All heavy atoms as atom14 arrays in JSON, in Angstrom:
{
  "sequence": "SGWINSNGEDNEYWDLDGGFADRAMDHITGQNAVMIAMPDGAA",
  "atom14_mask": [
    [1, 1, 1, 1, 1, 1, 0, 0, 0, 0, 0, 0, 0, 0],
    [1, 1, 1, 1, 0, 0, 0, 0, 0, 0, 0, 0, 0, 0],
    [1, 1, 1, 1, 1, 1, 1, 1, 1, 1, 1, 1, 1, 1],
    [1, 1, 1, 1, 1, 1, 1, 1, 0, 0, 0, 0, 0, 0],
    [1, 1, 1, 1, 1, 1, 1, 1, 0, 0, 0, 0, 0, 0],
    [1, 1, 1, 1, 1, 1, 0, 0, 0, 0, 0, 0, 0, 0],
    [1, 1, 1, 1, 1, 1, 1, 1, 0, 0, 0, 0, 0, 0],
    [1, 1, 1, 1, 0, 0, 0, 0, 0, 0, 0, 0, 0, 0],
    [1, 1, 1, 1, 1, 1, 1, 1, 1, 0, 0, 0, 0, 0],
    [1, 1, 1, 1, 1, 1, 1, 1, 0, 0, 0, 0, 0, 0],
    [1, 1, 1, 1, 1, 1, 1, 1, 0, 0, 0, 0, 0, 0],
    [1, 1, 1, 1, 1, 1, 1, 1, 1, 0, 0, 0, 0, 0],
    [1, 1, 1, 1, 1, 1, 1, 1, 1, 1, 1, 1, 0, 0],
    [1, 1, 1, 1, 1, 1, 1, 1, 1, 1, 1, 1, 1, 1],
    [1, 1, 1, 1, 1, 1, 1, 1, 0, 0, 0, 0, 0, 0],
    [1, 1, 1, 1, 1, 1, 1, 1, 0, 0, 0, 0, 0, 0],
    [1, 1, 1, 1, 1, 1, 1, 1, 0, 0, 0, 0, 0, 0],
    [1, 1, 1, 1, 0, 0, 0, 0, 0, 0, 0, 0, 0, 0],
    [1, 1, 1, 1, 0, 0, 0, 0, 0, 0, 0, 0, 0, 0],
    [1, 1, 1, 1, 1, 1, 1, 1, 1, 1, 1, 0, 0, 0],
    [1, 1, 1, 1, 1, 0, 0, 0, 0, 0, 0, 0, 0, 0],
    [1, 1, 1, 1, 1, 1, 1, 1, 0, 0, 0, 0, 0, 0],
    [1, 1, 1, 1, 1, 1, 1, 1, 1, 1, 1, 0, 0, 0],
    [1, 1, 1, 1, 1, 0, 0, 0, 0, 0, 0, 0, 0, 0],
    [1, 1, 1, 1, 1, 1, 1, 1, 0, 0, 0, 0, 0, 0],
    [1, 1, 1, 1, 1, 1, 1, 1, 0, 0, 0, 0, 0, 0],
    [1, 1, 1, 1, 1, 1, 1, 1, 1, 1, 0, 0, 0, 0],
    [1, 1, 1, 1, 1, 1, 1, 1, 0, 0, 0, 0, 0, 0],
    [1, 1, 1, 1, 1, 1, 1, 0, 0, 0, 0, 0, 0, 0],
    [1, 1, 1, 1, 0, 0, 0, 0, 0, 0, 0, 0, 0, 0],
    [1, 1, 1, 1, 1, 1, 1, 1, 1, 0, 0, 0, 0, 0],
    [1, 1, 1, 1, 1, 1, 1, 1, 0, 0, 0, 0, 0, 0],
    [1, 1, 1, 1, 1, 0, 0, 0, 0, 0, 0, 0, 0, 0],
    [1, 1, 1, 1, 1, 1, 1, 0, 0, 0, 0, 0, 0, 0],
    [1, 1, 1, 1, 1, 1, 1, 1, 0, 0, 0, 0, 0, 0],
    [1, 1, 1, 1, 1, 1, 1, 1, 0, 0, 0, 0, 0, 0],
    [1, 1, 1, 1, 1, 0, 0, 0, 0, 0, 0, 0, 0, 0],
    [1, 1, 1, 1, 1, 1, 1, 1, 0, 0, 0, 0, 0, 0],
    [1, 1, 1, 1, 1, 1, 1, 0, 0, 0, 0, 0, 0, 0],
    [1, 1, 1, 1, 1, 1, 1, 1, 0, 0, 0, 0, 0, 0],
    [1, 1, 1, 1, 0, 0, 0, 0, 0, 0, 0, 0, 0, 0],
    [1, 1, 1, 1, 1, 0, 0, 0, 0, 0, 0, 0, 0, 0],
    [1, 1, 1, 1, 1, 0, 0, 0, 0, 0, 0, 0, 0, 0]
  ],
  "atom14_positions": [
    [[-26.97, 232.34, 112.54], [-25.99, 233.21, 111.93], [-26.48, 233.8, 110.65], [-25.9, 234.73, 110.04], [-24.68, 232.41, 111.61], [-24.98, 231.4, 110.65], [0.0, 0.0, 0.0], [0.0, 0.0, 0.0], [0.0, 0.0, 0.0], [0.0, 0.0, 0.0], [0.0, 0.0, 0.0], [0.0, 0.0, 0.0], [0.0, 0.0, 0.0], [0.0, 0.0, 0.0]],
    [[-27.62, 233.27, 110.07], [-28.24, 233.84, 108.87], [-27.66, 233.28, 107.55], [-28.21, 233.73, 106.51], [0.0, 0.0, 0.0], [0.0, 0.0, 0.0], [0.0, 0.0, 0.0], [0.0, 0.0, 0.0], [0.0, 0.0, 0.0], [0.0, 0.0, 0.0], [0.0, 0.0, 0.0], [0.0, 0.0, 0.0], [0.0, 0.0, 0.0], [0.0, 0.0, 0.0]],
    [[-26.75, 232.33, 107.57], [-26.27, 231.93, 106.26], [-26.86, 230.55, 105.79], [-26.4, 229.97, 104.82], [-24.75, 231.92, 106.21], [-24.04, 231.05, 107.1], [-23.53, 231.35, 108.35], [-23.58, 229.67, 106.91], [-22.92, 230.33, 108.96], [-22.87, 229.19, 108.03], [-23.71, 228.79, 105.91], [-22.31, 227.95, 108.16], [-23.14, 227.48, 105.99], [-22.45, 227.08, 107.2]],
    [[-27.95, 230.07, 106.39], [-28.51, 228.74, 106.0], [-29.66, 229.05, 105.07], [-29.53, 228.95, 103.92], [-28.87, 227.96, 107.19], [-27.56, 227.46, 107.91], [-29.59, 226.69, 106.72], [-27.87, 226.64, 109.1], [0.0, 0.0, 0.0], [0.0, 0.0, 0.0], [0.0, 0.0, 0.0], [0.0, 0.0, 0.0], [0.0, 0.0, 0.0], [0.0, 0.0, 0.0]],
    [[-30.81, 229.37, 105.67], [-31.88, 229.54, 104.81], [-32.99, 230.53, 105.27], [-34.02, 230.64, 104.64], [-32.58, 228.22, 104.37], [-33.37, 227.65, 105.51], [-33.24, 227.96, 106.73], [-34.32, 226.79, 105.2], [0.0, 0.0, 0.0], [0.0, 0.0, 0.0], [0.0, 0.0, 0.0], [0.0, 0.0, 0.0], [0.0, 0.0, 0.0], [0.0, 0.0, 0.0]],
    [[-32.9, 231.06, 106.37], [-33.92, 231.93, 106.87], [-33.4, 233.27, 107.35], [-32.2, 233.64, 107.01], [-34.69, 231.17, 108.07], [-33.92, 231.3, 109.18], [0.0, 0.0, 0.0], [0.0, 0.0, 0.0], [0.0, 0.0, 0.0], [0.0, 0.0, 0.0], [0.0, 0.0, 0.0], [0.0, 0.0, 0.0], [0.0, 0.0, 0.0], [0.0, 0.0, 0.0]],
    [[-34.09, 233.98, 108.0], [-33.7, 235.31, 108.4], [-32.57, 235.41, 109.42], [-32.11, 236.48, 109.69], [-34.95, 236.11, 108.92], [-35.62, 235.42, 110.04], [-34.98, 234.63, 110.82], [-36.85, 235.75, 110.28], [0.0, 0.0, 0.0], [0.0, 0.0, 0.0], [0.0, 0.0, 0.0], [0.0, 0.0, 0.0], [0.0, 0.0, 0.0], [0.0, 0.0, 0.0]],
    [[-32.25, 234.32, 110.01], [-31.11, 234.28, 110.96], [-31.46, 234.99, 112.29], [-30.54, 235.28, 113.03], [0.0, 0.0, 0.0], [0.0, 0.0, 0.0], [0.0, 0.0, 0.0], [0.0, 0.0, 0.0], [0.0, 0.0, 0.0], [0.0, 0.0, 0.0], [0.0, 0.0, 0.0], [0.0, 0.0, 0.0], [0.0, 0.0, 0.0], [0.0, 0.0, 0.0]],
    [[-32.75, 235.15, 112.54], [-33.18, 235.79, 113.83], [-33.23, 234.82, 114.93], [-33.3, 235.28, 116.12], [-34.45, 236.45, 113.63], [-34.33, 237.71, 112.77], [-35.62, 238.4, 112.44], [-36.64, 237.98, 113.04], [-35.62, 239.37, 111.72], [0.0, 0.0, 0.0], [0.0, 0.0, 0.0], [0.0, 0.0, 0.0], [0.0, 0.0, 0.0], [0.0, 0.0, 0.0]],
    [[-33.34, 233.57, 114.7], [-33.42, 232.56, 115.79], [-32.88, 231.26, 115.35], [-32.51, 231.03, 114.19], [-34.9, 232.41, 116.28], [-35.91, 232.32, 115.12], [-35.62, 231.76, 114.14], [-36.98, 232.95, 115.38], [0.0, 0.0, 0.0], [0.0, 0.0, 0.0], [0.0, 0.0, 0.0], [0.0, 0.0, 0.0], [0.0, 0.0, 0.0], [0.0, 0.0, 0.0]],
    [[-32.71, 230.41, 116.41], [-32.11, 229.13, 116.1], [-33.14, 227.93, 116.39], [-32.85, 226.98, 117.1], [-30.85, 228.91, 116.85], [-31.02, 228.9, 118.39], [-32.14, 229.02, 118.88], [-29.94, 228.81, 119.18], [0.0, 0.0, 0.0], [0.0, 0.0, 0.0], [0.0, 0.0, 0.0], [0.0, 0.0, 0.0], [0.0, 0.0, 0.0], [0.0, 0.0, 0.0]],
    [[-34.37, 228.11, 115.88], [-35.43, 227.18, 116.19], [-35.39, 226.1, 115.06], [-35.14, 226.38, 113.92], [-36.74, 227.88, 116.16], [-36.82, 228.81, 117.3], [-38.15, 229.58, 117.35], [-39.08, 229.23, 116.55], [-38.25, 230.51, 118.12], [0.0, 0.0, 0.0], [0.0, 0.0, 0.0], [0.0, 0.0, 0.0], [0.0, 0.0, 0.0], [0.0, 0.0, 0.0]],
    [[-35.8, 224.94, 115.43], [-35.95, 223.82, 114.47], [-36.88, 224.15, 113.29], [-36.59, 223.79, 112.12], [-36.31, 222.49, 115.16], [-35.3, 221.85, 115.98], [-35.05, 222.29, 117.3], [-34.62, 220.75, 115.51], [-34.11, 221.72, 118.09], [-33.7, 220.16, 116.19], [-33.41, 220.57, 117.53], [-32.46, 219.89, 118.29], [0.0, 0.0, 0.0], [0.0, 0.0, 0.0]],
    [[-37.92, 224.85, 113.57], [-38.93, 225.1, 112.59], [-38.35, 225.94, 111.43], [-38.83, 225.93, 110.36], [-40.18, 225.72, 113.21], [-40.84, 224.79, 114.12], [-40.96, 225.0, 115.47], [-41.44, 223.49, 113.71], [-41.63, 223.84, 115.91], [-41.98, 223.0, 114.92], [-41.6, 222.88, 112.59], [-42.66, 221.76, 115.02], [-42.31, 221.62, 112.63], [-42.8, 221.12, 113.75]],
    [[-37.3, 226.7, 111.74], [-36.67, 227.5, 110.7], [-35.92, 226.75, 109.66], [-35.59, 227.24, 108.62], [-35.7, 228.55, 111.36], [-36.41, 229.7, 112.06], [-37.68, 229.99, 111.73], [-35.8, 230.33, 112.85], [0.0, 0.0, 0.0], [0.0, 0.0, 0.0], [0.0, 0.0, 0.0], [0.0, 0.0, 0.0], [0.0, 0.0, 0.0], [0.0, 0.0, 0.0]],
    [[-35.66, 225.54, 109.97], [-35.02, 224.71, 108.92], [-36.02, 224.18, 107.92], [-35.65, 223.69, 106.84], [-34.32, 223.44, 109.66], [-33.29, 223.76, 110.68], [-32.73, 222.53, 111.24], [-32.2, 224.71, 110.15], [0.0, 0.0, 0.0], [0.0, 0.0, 0.0], [0.0, 0.0, 0.0], [0.0, 0.0, 0.0], [0.0, 0.0, 0.0], [0.0, 0.0, 0.0]],
    [[-37.37, 224.19, 108.24], [-38.3, 223.69, 107.33], [-38.38, 224.53, 106.08], [-38.35, 225.83, 106.14], [-39.62, 223.71, 108.04], [-40.72, 222.95, 107.28], [-40.35, 222.06, 106.45], [-41.94, 223.35, 107.36], [0.0, 0.0, 0.0], [0.0, 0.0, 0.0], [0.0, 0.0, 0.0], [0.0, 0.0, 0.0], [0.0, 0.0, 0.0], [0.0, 0.0, 0.0]],
    [[-38.39, 224.01, 104.86], [-38.52, 224.68, 103.7], [-37.14, 225.17, 103.04], [-37.14, 225.94, 102.17], [0.0, 0.0, 0.0], [0.0, 0.0, 0.0], [0.0, 0.0, 0.0], [0.0, 0.0, 0.0], [0.0, 0.0, 0.0], [0.0, 0.0, 0.0], [0.0, 0.0, 0.0], [0.0, 0.0, 0.0], [0.0, 0.0, 0.0], [0.0, 0.0, 0.0]],
    [[-36.02, 224.66, 103.57], [-34.77, 225.04, 103.04], [-34.47, 224.3, 101.75], [-35.4, 223.49, 101.25], [0.0, 0.0, 0.0], [0.0, 0.0, 0.0], [0.0, 0.0, 0.0], [0.0, 0.0, 0.0], [0.0, 0.0, 0.0], [0.0, 0.0, 0.0], [0.0, 0.0, 0.0], [0.0, 0.0, 0.0], [0.0, 0.0, 0.0], [0.0, 0.0, 0.0]],
    [[-33.45, 224.57, 101.21], [-33.04, 223.88, 99.95], [-32.12, 222.85, 100.1], [-31.02, 222.94, 100.76], [-32.4, 224.99, 98.94], [-33.4, 226.04, 98.65], [-33.42, 227.26, 99.24], [-34.39, 225.82, 97.65], [-34.3, 228.28, 98.94], [-35.38, 226.78, 97.25], [-35.39, 227.98, 97.91], [0.0, 0.0, 0.0], [0.0, 0.0, 0.0], [0.0, 0.0, 0.0]],
    [[-32.43, 221.67, 99.48], [-31.6, 220.43, 99.77], [-30.16, 220.6, 99.21], [-29.25, 220.12, 99.88], [-32.29, 219.27, 98.94], [0.0, 0.0, 0.0], [0.0, 0.0, 0.0], [0.0, 0.0, 0.0], [0.0, 0.0, 0.0], [0.0, 0.0, 0.0], [0.0, 0.0, 0.0], [0.0, 0.0, 0.0], [0.0, 0.0, 0.0], [0.0, 0.0, 0.0]],
    [[-29.91, 221.3, 98.09], [-28.59, 221.42, 97.62], [-27.72, 222.26, 98.6], [-26.54, 222.0, 98.74], [-28.57, 222.06, 96.18], [-29.32, 223.37, 96.1], [-30.28, 223.61, 96.84], [-28.95, 224.16, 95.26], [0.0, 0.0, 0.0], [0.0, 0.0, 0.0], [0.0, 0.0, 0.0], [0.0, 0.0, 0.0], [0.0, 0.0, 0.0], [0.0, 0.0, 0.0]],
    [[-28.34, 223.25, 99.19], [-27.49, 224.11, 100.09], [-27.16, 223.33, 101.4], [-26.12, 223.39, 101.92], [-28.39, 225.36, 100.52], [-28.48, 226.29, 99.35], [-28.98, 227.69, 99.67], [-27.94, 228.31, 100.4], [-28.26, 229.25, 101.32], [-29.53, 229.59, 101.61], [-27.3, 229.85, 102.08], [0.0, 0.0, 0.0], [0.0, 0.0, 0.0], [0.0, 0.0, 0.0]],
    [[-28.18, 222.46, 101.89], [-27.8, 221.64, 103.0], [-26.69, 220.67, 102.69], [-25.85, 220.47, 103.5], [-29.03, 220.95, 103.4], [0.0, 0.0, 0.0], [0.0, 0.0, 0.0], [0.0, 0.0, 0.0], [0.0, 0.0, 0.0], [0.0, 0.0, 0.0], [0.0, 0.0, 0.0], [0.0, 0.0, 0.0], [0.0, 0.0, 0.0], [0.0, 0.0, 0.0]],
    [[-26.73, 220.09, 101.45], [-25.71, 219.22, 101.07], [-24.4, 219.91, 101.03], [-23.31, 219.37, 101.44], [-26.08, 218.56, 99.74], [-25.05, 217.43, 99.27], [-25.17, 215.88, 100.3], [-26.56, 215.12, 99.6], [0.0, 0.0, 0.0], [0.0, 0.0, 0.0], [0.0, 0.0, 0.0], [0.0, 0.0, 0.0], [0.0, 0.0, 0.0], [0.0, 0.0, 0.0]],
    [[-24.4, 221.05, 100.51], [-23.08, 221.85, 100.46], [-22.54, 222.09, 101.9], [-21.44, 221.93, 102.19], [-23.36, 223.31, 99.88], [-23.67, 223.34, 98.48], [-23.5, 222.27, 97.68], [-24.13, 224.4, 97.98], [0.0, 0.0, 0.0], [0.0, 0.0, 0.0], [0.0, 0.0, 0.0], [0.0, 0.0, 0.0], [0.0, 0.0, 0.0], [0.0, 0.0, 0.0]],
    [[-23.47, 222.41, 102.83], [-23.14, 222.66, 104.17], [-22.6, 221.44, 104.93], [-21.65, 221.51, 105.75], [-24.23, 223.24, 104.97], [-24.68, 224.56, 104.45], [-25.95, 225.05, 104.53], [-23.96, 225.61, 103.83], [-26.08, 226.32, 103.93], [-24.9, 226.59, 103.51], [0.0, 0.0, 0.0], [0.0, 0.0, 0.0], [0.0, 0.0, 0.0], [0.0, 0.0, 0.0]],
    [[-23.04, 220.27, 104.61], [-22.68, 219.09, 105.25], [-21.36, 218.57, 104.59], [-20.51, 218.03, 105.37], [-23.79, 217.99, 105.05], [-25.02, 218.37, 105.92], [-23.3, 216.54, 105.52], [-26.27, 217.59, 105.5], [0.0, 0.0, 0.0], [0.0, 0.0, 0.0], [0.0, 0.0, 0.0], [0.0, 0.0, 0.0], [0.0, 0.0, 0.0], [0.0, 0.0, 0.0]],
    [[-21.25, 218.56, 103.33], [-20.06, 217.94, 102.7], [-18.95, 218.88, 102.31], [-17.82, 218.53, 102.2], [-20.5, 217.28, 101.38], [-20.89, 218.23, 100.44], [-21.56, 216.28, 101.66], [0.0, 0.0, 0.0], [0.0, 0.0, 0.0], [0.0, 0.0, 0.0], [0.0, 0.0, 0.0], [0.0, 0.0, 0.0], [0.0, 0.0, 0.0], [0.0, 0.0, 0.0]],
    [[-19.27, 220.2, 102.16], [-18.16, 221.1, 101.69], [-18.02, 221.01, 100.22], [-17.06, 221.63, 99.63], [0.0, 0.0, 0.0], [0.0, 0.0, 0.0], [0.0, 0.0, 0.0], [0.0, 0.0, 0.0], [0.0, 0.0, 0.0], [0.0, 0.0, 0.0], [0.0, 0.0, 0.0], [0.0, 0.0, 0.0], [0.0, 0.0, 0.0], [0.0, 0.0, 0.0]],
    [[-18.88, 220.3, 99.54], [-18.81, 220.08, 98.09], [-20.11, 220.71, 97.41], [-21.14, 220.72, 98.04], [-18.77, 218.58, 97.76], [-17.61, 217.92, 98.35], [-17.68, 216.45, 98.27], [-18.56, 215.87, 97.52], [-16.91, 215.65, 99.08], [0.0, 0.0, 0.0], [0.0, 0.0, 0.0], [0.0, 0.0, 0.0], [0.0, 0.0, 0.0], [0.0, 0.0, 0.0]],
    [[-19.87, 221.27, 96.23], [-21.05, 221.91, 95.57], [-22.02, 220.83, 95.17], [-21.66, 219.76, 94.59], [-20.58, 222.69, 94.31], [-19.84, 223.92, 94.69], [-20.12, 224.57, 95.74], [-18.99, 224.35, 93.83], [0.0, 0.0, 0.0], [0.0, 0.0, 0.0], [0.0, 0.0, 0.0], [0.0, 0.0, 0.0], [0.0, 0.0, 0.0], [0.0, 0.0, 0.0]],
    [[-23.25, 221.08, 95.51], [-24.38, 220.12, 95.13], [-25.16, 220.88, 94.08], [-25.25, 222.11, 94.03], [-25.14, 219.74, 96.25], [0.0, 0.0, 0.0], [0.0, 0.0, 0.0], [0.0, 0.0, 0.0], [0.0, 0.0, 0.0], [0.0, 0.0, 0.0], [0.0, 0.0, 0.0], [0.0, 0.0, 0.0], [0.0, 0.0, 0.0], [0.0, 0.0, 0.0]],
    [[-25.93, 220.13, 93.29], [-26.76, 220.79, 92.21], [-28.2, 220.27, 92.45], [-28.41, 219.13, 92.71], [-26.31, 220.3, 90.76], [-27.22, 220.84, 89.81], [-24.86, 220.79, 90.63], [0.0, 0.0, 0.0], [0.0, 0.0, 0.0], [0.0, 0.0, 0.0], [0.0, 0.0, 0.0], [0.0, 0.0, 0.0], [0.0, 0.0, 0.0], [0.0, 0.0, 0.0]],
    [[-29.11, 221.28, 92.42], [-30.59, 220.92, 92.51], [-31.15, 221.05, 91.18], [-31.04, 222.21, 90.5], [-31.21, 221.77, 93.5], [-32.65, 221.33, 93.74], [-33.39, 222.12, 95.22], [-33.72, 223.72, 94.62], [0.0, 0.0, 0.0], [0.0, 0.0, 0.0], [0.0, 0.0, 0.0], [0.0, 0.0, 0.0], [0.0, 0.0, 0.0], [0.0, 0.0, 0.0]],
    [[-31.83, 219.95, 90.7], [-32.4, 220.04, 89.39], [-34.06, 219.91, 89.48], [-34.39, 218.92, 90.13], [-31.83, 218.97, 88.46], [-30.33, 219.14, 88.3], [-32.56, 218.96, 87.02], [-29.66, 217.97, 87.64], [0.0, 0.0, 0.0], [0.0, 0.0, 0.0], [0.0, 0.0, 0.0], [0.0, 0.0, 0.0], [0.0, 0.0, 0.0], [0.0, 0.0, 0.0]],
    [[-34.7, 220.83, 89.01], [-36.18, 220.75, 89.05], [-36.58, 219.79, 87.93], [-36.1, 219.86, 86.82], [-36.82, 222.04, 88.85], [0.0, 0.0, 0.0], [0.0, 0.0, 0.0], [0.0, 0.0, 0.0], [0.0, 0.0, 0.0], [0.0, 0.0, 0.0], [0.0, 0.0, 0.0], [0.0, 0.0, 0.0], [0.0, 0.0, 0.0], [0.0, 0.0, 0.0]],
    [[-37.41, 218.84, 88.26], [-37.94, 217.9, 87.18], [-39.42, 218.02, 87.09], [-40.2, 217.74, 88.0], [-37.51, 216.53, 87.67], [-36.04, 216.26, 87.66], [-35.44, 214.77, 88.29], [-36.6, 213.55, 87.68], [0.0, 0.0, 0.0], [0.0, 0.0, 0.0], [0.0, 0.0, 0.0], [0.0, 0.0, 0.0], [0.0, 0.0, 0.0], [0.0, 0.0, 0.0]],
    [[-39.86, 218.44, 85.95], [-41.31, 218.52, 85.65], [-41.89, 217.16, 85.66], [-41.29, 216.2, 85.53], [-41.44, 219.24, 84.33], [-40.02, 218.97, 83.71], [-39.11, 218.86, 84.76], [0.0, 0.0, 0.0], [0.0, 0.0, 0.0], [0.0, 0.0, 0.0], [0.0, 0.0, 0.0], [0.0, 0.0, 0.0], [0.0, 0.0, 0.0], [0.0, 0.0, 0.0]],
    [[-43.23, 217.1, 85.72], [-43.93, 215.82, 85.7], [-43.43, 215.01, 84.53], [-43.32, 215.51, 83.43], [-45.47, 216.13, 85.54], [-46.1, 216.6, 86.82], [-45.37, 216.6, 87.83], [-47.16, 217.18, 86.67], [0.0, 0.0, 0.0], [0.0, 0.0, 0.0], [0.0, 0.0, 0.0], [0.0, 0.0, 0.0], [0.0, 0.0, 0.0], [0.0, 0.0, 0.0]],
    [[-43.16, 213.76, 84.81], [-42.78, 212.76, 83.75], [-41.34, 212.78, 83.59], [-40.82, 211.89, 82.85], [0.0, 0.0, 0.0], [0.0, 0.0, 0.0], [0.0, 0.0, 0.0], [0.0, 0.0, 0.0], [0.0, 0.0, 0.0], [0.0, 0.0, 0.0], [0.0, 0.0, 0.0], [0.0, 0.0, 0.0], [0.0, 0.0, 0.0], [0.0, 0.0, 0.0]],
    [[-40.61, 213.68, 84.03], [-39.12, 213.79, 83.82], [-38.36, 212.52, 84.35], [-37.37, 212.08, 83.78], [-38.5, 215.06, 84.46], [0.0, 0.0, 0.0], [0.0, 0.0, 0.0], [0.0, 0.0, 0.0], [0.0, 0.0, 0.0], [0.0, 0.0, 0.0], [0.0, 0.0, 0.0], [0.0, 0.0, 0.0], [0.0, 0.0, 0.0], [0.0, 0.0, 0.0]],
    [[-38.77, 212.02, 85.48], [-38.13, 210.83, 86.06], [-38.21, 209.63, 85.09], [-37.26, 208.87, 85.04], [-38.75, 210.55, 87.45], [0.0, 0.0, 0.0], [0.0, 0.0, 0.0], [0.0, 0.0, 0.0], [0.0, 0.0, 0.0], [0.0, 0.0, 0.0], [0.0, 0.0, 0.0], [0.0, 0.0, 0.0], [0.0, 0.0, 0.0], [0.0, 0.0, 0.0]]
  ]
}
């Protein structure tokens, strides 16, 4: 359908590779998720 993470031209498993974790969490839960980039040493 094109609203996940790729061009929406096909429904292949490989098209899920490289998506964004926060968007997948939104799609699974219906709740807004936040993705925070952490530079080296941030943890």
